[in-house]
Amino acid sequence: MPVLVVTNNPMVVQKLSGRFELFFDAGMDYEAVLKYVRDRVHKGAKLLSHPLSGSVKPGQTPYKTVLLEEGGNTLDQASLQIIEDTLGMAVKMLAANGTAGIGEQADNDFKLIDYDLAKNALDQMMQHK
């Protein structure tokens, strides 16, 4: 089954383009990425990475990358439960804390953290195939 990398992180696109199918929209915020993932799960995709991977919480970073397995014909209940729970938690955290303004160096750091999490998940998947 094909892997779809959903992201709003330009570093992920720069480093993974041509190796994996990508859905990239720089205009999406953290919540919008999760909603897009939820919509794909409703269409049969299965989560390959947890949407809350890493220790950076919603509202601390503007970047999110989630890995999906495309091509399923049925709704994966476990993936749906995880993305719905994650989306609910993210909405609450963002409402309570807002999105913190970050400087250029922190922005680059958050891009790198998000990319590293995605790359490590992809590397582990490839080792187990």
N, C-alpha and C. Protein backbone atom coordinates (compact mmCIF):
# COMPACT_ATOMS: atom_id res chain seq x y z
N MET A 1 0.84 -1.18 0.00
CA MET A 1 0.00 0.00 0.00
C MET A 1 0.89 1.25 0.00
N PRO A 2 0.49 2.27 -0.74
CA PRO A 2 1.30 3.48 -0.81
C PRO A 2 1.24 4.30 0.48
N VAL A 3 2.36 4.96 0.77
CA VAL A 3 2.47 5.84 1.92
C VAL A 3 2.22 7.27 1.46
N LEU A 4 1.38 7.98 2.20
CA LEU A 4 1.13 9.39 1.95
C LEU A 4 1.66 10.18 3.14
N VAL A 5 2.51 11.16 2.86
CA VAL A 5 3.06 12.04 3.89
C VAL A 5 2.26 13.34 3.83
N VAL A 6 1.53 13.62 4.90
CA VAL A 6 0.71 14.84 4.99
C VAL A 6 1.47 15.82 5.87
N THR A 7 1.71 17.02 5.35
CA THR A 7 2.53 17.97 6.10
C THR A 7 2.23 19.42 5.74
N ASN A 8 2.58 20.30 6.65
CA ASN A 8 2.60 21.73 6.37
C ASN A 8 4.03 22.27 6.56
N ASN A 9 4.99 21.34 6.59
CA ASN A 9 6.39 21.67 6.85
C ASN A 9 7.18 21.67 5.54
N PRO A 10 7.66 22.83 5.10
CA PRO A 10 8.41 22.88 3.85
C PRO A 10 9.71 22.07 3.88
N MET A 11 10.31 21.88 5.05
CA MET A 11 11.53 21.08 5.14
C MET A 11 11.24 19.61 4.80
N VAL A 12 10.09 19.12 5.20
CA VAL A 12 9.71 17.74 4.89
C VAL A 12 9.60 17.58 3.37
N VAL A 13 8.97 18.54 2.73
CA VAL A 13 8.82 18.50 1.27
C VAL A 13 10.19 18.55 0.60
N GLN A 14 11.02 19.45 1.05
CA GLN A 14 12.35 19.62 0.46
C GLN A 14 13.16 18.33 0.55
N LYS A 15 13.09 17.64 1.68
CA LYS A 15 13.95 16.48 1.91
C LYS A 15 13.34 15.16 1.46
N LEU A 16 12.02 15.08 1.36
CA LEU A 16 11.38 13.81 1.02
C LEU A 16 10.72 13.79 -0.36
N SER A 17 10.72 14.92 -1.04
CA SER A 17 10.08 15.00 -2.35
C SER A 17 10.75 14.00 -3.30
N GLY A 18 9.92 13.27 -4.03
CA GLY A 18 10.42 12.28 -4.97
C GLY A 18 10.58 10.90 -4.38
N ARG A 19 10.61 10.81 -3.06
CA ARG A 19 10.75 9.51 -2.39
C ARG A 19 9.42 8.95 -1.93
N PHE A 20 8.48 9.84 -1.63
CA PHE A 20 7.17 9.45 -1.11
C PHE A 20 6.12 10.37 -1.71
N GLU A 21 4.88 9.89 -1.71
CA GLU A 21 3.77 10.75 -2.12
C GLU A 21 3.55 11.77 -1.01
N LEU A 22 3.45 13.02 -1.38
CA LEU A 22 3.31 14.10 -0.39
C LEU A 22 2.03 14.88 -0.63
N PHE A 23 1.39 15.27 0.47
CA PHE A 23 0.36 16.29 0.41
C PHE A 23 0.89 17.42 1.27
N PHE A 24 1.15 18.57 0.64
CA PHE A 24 1.73 19.72 1.33
C PHE A 24 0.88 20.95 1.07
N ASP A 25 0.59 21.66 2.15
CA ASP A 25 -0.10 22.93 2.04
C ASP A 25 0.47 23.85 3.12
N ALA A 26 1.29 24.80 2.71
CA ALA A 26 1.93 25.71 3.67
C ALA A 26 0.91 26.58 4.38
N GLY A 27 -0.28 26.71 3.82
CA GLY A 27 -1.32 27.54 4.44
C GLY A 27 -2.08 26.84 5.55
N MET A 28 -1.86 25.54 5.69
CA MET A 28 -2.57 24.81 6.75
C MET A 28 -1.86 25.03 8.09
N ASP A 29 -2.66 25.23 9.12
CA ASP A 29 -2.08 25.26 10.46
C ASP A 29 -2.14 23.85 11.04
N TYR A 30 -1.69 23.70 12.26
CA TYR A 30 -1.61 22.40 12.93
C TYR A 30 -2.97 21.69 12.91
N GLU A 31 -4.00 22.42 13.29
CA GLU A 31 -5.35 21.85 13.34
C GLU A 31 -5.83 21.42 11.95
N ALA A 32 -5.55 22.22 10.94
CA ALA A 32 -5.97 21.89 9.58
C ALA A 32 -5.30 20.62 9.07
N VAL A 33 -4.03 20.40 9.44
CA VAL A 33 -3.35 19.15 9.07
C VAL A 33 -4.09 17.97 9.67
N LEU A 34 -4.44 18.08 10.95
CA LEU A 34 -5.16 16.98 11.62
C LEU A 34 -6.52 16.74 10.98
N LYS A 35 -7.21 17.80 10.61
CA LYS A 35 -8.52 17.65 9.96
C LYS A 35 -8.38 16.98 8.59
N TYR A 36 -7.35 17.34 7.86
CA TYR A 36 -7.11 16.70 6.56
C TYR A 36 -6.85 15.20 6.76
N VAL A 37 -6.03 14.88 7.75
CA VAL A 37 -5.74 13.47 8.06
C VAL A 37 -7.02 12.74 8.43
N ARG A 38 -7.85 13.36 9.27
CA ARG A 38 -9.13 12.75 9.65
C ARG A 38 -9.99 12.45 8.43
N ASP A 39 -10.04 13.41 7.50
CA ASP A 39 -10.83 13.22 6.29
C ASP A 39 -10.30 12.06 5.45
N ARG A 40 -8.97 11.91 5.38
CA ARG A 40 -8.37 10.79 4.64
C ARG A 40 -8.67 9.46 5.33
N VAL A 41 -8.66 9.46 6.65
CA VAL A 41 -9.00 8.23 7.40
C VAL A 41 -10.44 7.83 7.10
N HIS A 42 -11.33 8.81 7.03
CA HIS A 42 -12.74 8.51 6.70
C HIS A 42 -12.86 7.90 5.30
N LYS A 43 -11.88 8.16 4.44
CA LYS A 43 -11.91 7.62 3.08
C LYS A 43 -11.12 6.31 2.96
N GLY A 44 -10.66 5.75 4.09
CA GLY A 44 -10.01 4.45 4.07
C GLY A 44 -8.53 4.43 4.38
N ALA A 45 -7.92 5.58 4.61
CA ALA A 45 -6.50 5.61 4.96
C ALA A 45 -6.31 5.12 6.40
N LYS A 46 -5.11 4.64 6.68
CA LYS A 46 -4.76 4.14 8.00
C LYS A 46 -3.55 4.91 8.51
N LEU A 47 -3.58 5.30 9.78
CA LEU A 47 -2.45 6.01 10.37
C LEU A 47 -1.23 5.09 10.44
N LEU A 48 -0.08 5.61 10.02
CA LEU A 48 1.19 4.91 10.17
C LEU A 48 2.07 5.56 11.22
N SER A 49 1.75 6.81 11.55
CA SER A 49 2.45 7.51 12.64
C SER A 49 1.39 8.14 13.52
N HIS A 50 1.71 8.25 14.80
CA HIS A 50 0.76 8.86 15.73
C HIS A 50 0.79 10.37 15.54
N PRO A 51 -0.37 11.01 15.45
CA PRO A 51 -0.40 12.45 15.22
C PRO A 51 0.16 13.29 16.37
N LEU A 52 0.38 12.68 17.52
CA LEU A 52 1.00 13.41 18.63
C LEU A 52 2.40 12.89 18.92
N SER A 53 3.08 12.37 17.90
CA SER A 53 4.44 11.86 18.11
C SER A 53 5.35 13.00 18.54
N GLY A 54 6.32 12.66 19.35
CA GLY A 54 7.26 13.65 19.85
C GLY A 54 6.72 14.35 21.08
N SER A 55 7.53 15.20 21.63
CA SER A 55 7.14 15.88 22.88
C SER A 55 6.67 17.31 22.66
N VAL A 56 6.54 17.73 21.41
CA VAL A 56 6.09 19.08 21.11
C VAL A 56 4.57 19.07 20.98
N LYS A 57 3.92 19.86 21.82
CA LYS A 57 2.46 19.86 21.89
C LYS A 57 1.85 20.85 20.89
N PRO A 58 0.57 20.63 20.55
CA PRO A 58 -0.12 21.63 19.72
C PRO A 58 -0.06 23.00 20.38
N GLY A 59 0.20 24.01 19.62
CA GLY A 59 0.32 25.37 20.15
C GLY A 59 1.78 25.75 20.39
N GLN A 60 2.66 24.75 20.51
CA GLN A 60 4.08 25.04 20.68
C GLN A 60 4.78 25.11 19.33
N THR A 61 4.25 24.41 18.34
CA THR A 61 4.83 24.38 17.01
C THR A 61 3.74 24.56 15.97
N PRO A 62 4.05 25.23 14.90
CA PRO A 62 3.06 25.34 13.82
C PRO A 62 3.11 24.15 12.85
N TYR A 63 4.10 23.25 12.98
CA TYR A 63 4.32 22.20 11.98
C TYR A 63 3.85 20.84 12.46
N LYS A 64 3.26 20.10 11.51
CA LYS A 64 2.81 18.74 11.81
C LYS A 64 2.92 17.92 10.55
N THR A 65 3.49 16.74 10.70
CA THR A 65 3.58 15.77 9.61
C THR A 65 3.03 14.45 10.12
N VAL A 66 2.14 13.85 9.33
CA VAL A 66 1.52 12.57 9.70
C VAL A 66 1.65 11.63 8.51
N LEU A 67 1.97 10.38 8.78
CA LEU A 67 2.12 9.36 7.75
C LEU A 67 0.87 8.51 7.68
N LEU A 68 0.39 8.29 6.47
CA LEU A 68 -0.80 7.48 6.25
C LEU A 68 -0.51 6.37 5.25
N GLU A 69 -1.22 5.27 5.40
CA GLU A 69 -1.22 4.22 4.39
C GLU A 69 -2.52 4.40 3.60
N GLU A 70 -2.38 4.62 2.30
CA GLU A 70 -3.53 4.87 1.44
C GLU A 70 -4.00 3.57 0.79
N GLY A 71 -5.19 3.60 0.26
CA GLY A 71 -5.68 2.51 -0.55
C GLY A 71 -6.62 1.54 0.12
N GLY A 72 -6.94 1.80 1.37
CA GLY A 72 -7.88 0.93 2.06
C GLY A 72 -9.31 1.18 1.59
N ASN A 73 -10.11 0.14 1.71
CA ASN A 73 -11.52 0.25 1.30
C ASN A 73 -12.45 0.41 2.48
N THR A 74 -11.96 0.15 3.68
CA THR A 74 -12.81 0.21 4.86
C THR A 74 -12.26 1.22 5.86
N LEU A 75 -13.14 1.69 6.70
CA LEU A 75 -12.76 2.64 7.74
C LEU A 75 -12.00 1.91 8.84
N ASP A 76 -10.76 2.33 9.09
CA ASP A 76 -9.96 1.76 10.16
C ASP A 76 -10.36 2.43 11.48
N GLN A 77 -11.07 1.68 12.31
CA GLN A 77 -11.62 2.25 13.54
C GLN A 77 -10.53 2.75 14.50
N ALA A 78 -9.42 2.03 14.58
CA ALA A 78 -8.33 2.46 15.48
C ALA A 78 -7.76 3.80 15.01
N SER A 79 -7.53 3.94 13.72
CA SER A 79 -7.01 5.21 13.18
C SER A 79 -8.00 6.34 13.42
N LEU A 80 -9.27 6.04 13.20
CA LEU A 80 -10.30 7.06 13.41
C LEU A 80 -10.33 7.52 14.86
N GLN A 81 -10.28 6.58 15.79
CA GLN A 81 -10.31 6.93 17.21
C GLN A 81 -9.09 7.80 17.59
N ILE A 82 -7.93 7.41 17.10
CA ILE A 82 -6.70 8.16 17.42
C ILE A 82 -6.78 9.57 16.86
N ILE A 83 -7.17 9.74 15.59
CA ILE A 83 -7.18 11.07 15.00
C ILE A 83 -8.28 11.93 15.61
N GLU A 84 -9.42 11.36 15.93
CA GLU A 84 -10.50 12.13 16.57
C GLU A 84 -10.06 12.59 17.97
N ASP A 85 -9.46 11.69 18.74
CA ASP A 85 -8.97 12.06 20.08
C ASP A 85 -7.90 13.14 19.99
N THR A 86 -6.99 12.98 19.05
CA THR A 86 -5.91 13.95 18.87
C THR A 86 -6.46 15.31 18.46
N LEU A 87 -7.39 15.31 17.54
CA LEU A 87 -7.98 16.56 17.09
C LEU A 87 -8.71 17.26 18.23
N GLY A 88 -9.47 16.51 19.02
CA GLY A 88 -10.15 17.10 20.18
C GLY A 88 -9.18 17.72 21.17
N MET A 89 -8.09 17.00 21.45
CA MET A 89 -7.08 17.51 22.38
C MET A 89 -6.40 18.74 21.81
N ALA A 90 -6.07 18.72 20.53
CA ALA A 90 -5.40 19.86 19.91
C ALA A 90 -6.28 21.10 19.93
N VAL A 91 -7.55 20.93 19.62
CA VAL A 91 -8.48 22.08 19.62
C VAL A 91 -8.55 22.68 21.02
N LYS A 92 -8.65 21.84 22.04
CA LYS A 92 -8.69 22.35 23.43
C LYS A 92 -7.40 23.08 23.79
N MET A 93 -6.25 22.49 23.45
CA MET A 93 -4.97 23.11 23.79
C MET A 93 -4.77 24.42 23.05
N LEU A 94 -5.14 24.45 21.79
CA LEU A 94 -4.99 25.68 21.01
C LEU A 94 -5.93 26.78 21.52
N ALA A 95 -7.14 26.40 21.94
CA ALA A 95 -8.09 27.38 22.47
C ALA A 95 -7.61 27.93 23.81
N ALA A 96 -7.02 27.07 24.61
CA ALA A 96 -6.56 27.48 25.93
C ALA A 96 -5.27 28.29 25.86
N ASN A 97 -4.37 27.92 24.98
CA ASN A 97 -3.03 28.52 24.96
C ASN A 97 -2.75 29.37 23.74
N GLY A 98 -3.57 29.24 22.69
CA GLY A 98 -3.28 29.95 21.46
C GLY A 98 -2.04 29.37 20.80
N THR A 99 -1.64 29.99 19.73
CA THR A 99 -0.41 29.60 19.06
C THR A 99 0.65 30.61 19.41
N ALA A 100 1.71 30.13 19.98
CA ALA A 100 2.78 31.01 20.41
C ALA A 100 3.51 31.59 19.21
N GLY A 101 3.83 32.87 19.27
CA GLY A 101 4.67 33.47 18.25
C GLY A 101 6.09 32.98 18.44
N ILE A 102 6.77 32.64 17.35
CA ILE A 102 8.12 32.13 17.47
C ILE A 102 9.04 32.89 16.54
N GLY A 103 10.29 32.99 16.93
CA GLY A 103 11.28 33.66 16.11
C GLY A 103 11.78 32.74 15.01
N GLU A 104 12.65 33.28 14.16
CA GLU A 104 13.15 32.52 13.01
C GLU A 104 13.93 31.28 13.43
N GLN A 105 14.79 31.40 14.44
CA GLN A 105 15.58 30.24 14.87
C GLN A 105 14.68 29.14 15.43
N ALA A 106 13.72 29.52 16.25
CA ALA A 106 12.79 28.53 16.80
C ALA A 106 11.96 27.91 15.69
N ASP A 107 11.56 28.70 14.70
CA ASP A 107 10.80 28.20 13.57
C ASP A 107 11.61 27.11 12.84
N ASN A 108 12.88 27.39 12.59
CA ASN A 108 13.76 26.40 11.94
C ASN A 108 13.92 25.15 12.80
N ASP A 109 14.03 25.35 14.11
CA ASP A 109 14.16 24.21 15.02
C ASP A 109 12.91 23.33 14.98
N PHE A 110 11.72 23.95 14.97
CA PHE A 110 10.47 23.19 14.92
C PHE A 110 10.31 22.45 13.59
N LYS A 111 10.77 23.07 12.51
CA LYS A 111 10.76 22.38 11.21
C LYS A 111 11.63 21.12 11.28
N LEU A 112 12.82 21.27 11.86
CA LEU A 112 13.76 20.16 11.95
C LEU A 112 13.23 19.05 12.85
N ILE A 113 12.65 19.40 13.98
CA ILE A 113 12.09 18.40 14.90
C ILE A 113 10.98 17.61 14.19
N ASP A 114 10.08 18.30 13.53
CA ASP A 114 8.99 17.64 12.82
C ASP A 114 9.53 16.74 11.71
N TYR A 115 10.49 17.24 10.95
CA TYR A 115 11.10 16.43 9.89
C TYR A 115 11.76 15.18 10.47
N ASP A 116 12.55 15.34 11.53
CA ASP A 116 13.24 14.20 12.14
C ASP A 116 12.26 13.13 12.62
N LEU A 117 11.16 13.54 13.21
CA LEU A 117 10.14 12.58 13.66
C LEU A 117 9.58 11.80 12.47
N ALA A 118 9.26 12.51 11.39
CA ALA A 118 8.71 11.86 10.20
C ALA A 118 9.75 10.93 9.57
N LYS A 119 10.98 11.40 9.44
CA LYS A 119 12.03 10.60 8.81
C LYS A 119 12.30 9.33 9.61
N ASN A 120 12.36 9.46 10.93
CA ASN A 120 12.60 8.28 11.77
C ASN A 120 11.46 7.26 11.62
N ALA A 121 10.24 7.74 11.57
CA ALA A 121 9.09 6.82 11.39
C ALA A 121 9.18 6.14 10.03
N LEU A 122 9.52 6.89 8.99
CA LEU A 122 9.65 6.32 7.66
C LEU A 122 10.79 5.31 7.60
N ASP A 123 11.92 5.63 8.23
CA ASP A 123 13.07 4.72 8.26
C ASP A 123 12.69 3.40 8.94
N GLN A 124 11.99 3.50 10.05
CA GLN A 124 11.56 2.28 10.77
C GLN A 124 10.61 1.45 9.93
N MET A 125 9.71 2.12 9.22
CA MET A 125 8.76 1.39 8.36
C MET A 125 9.51 0.65 7.27
N MET A 126 10.50 1.28 6.67
CA MET A 126 11.24 0.67 5.57
C MET A 126 12.07 -0.52 6.06
N GLN A 127 12.55 -0.47 7.28
CA GLN A 127 13.33 -1.58 7.84
C GLN A 127 12.45 -2.79 8.08
N HIS A 128 11.18 -2.58 8.35
CA HIS A 128 10.27 -3.67 8.68
C HIS A 128 9.52 -4.22 7.47
N LYS A 129 9.79 -3.70 6.28
CA LYS A 129 9.11 -4.19 5.07
C LYS A 129 9.82 -5.39 4.52
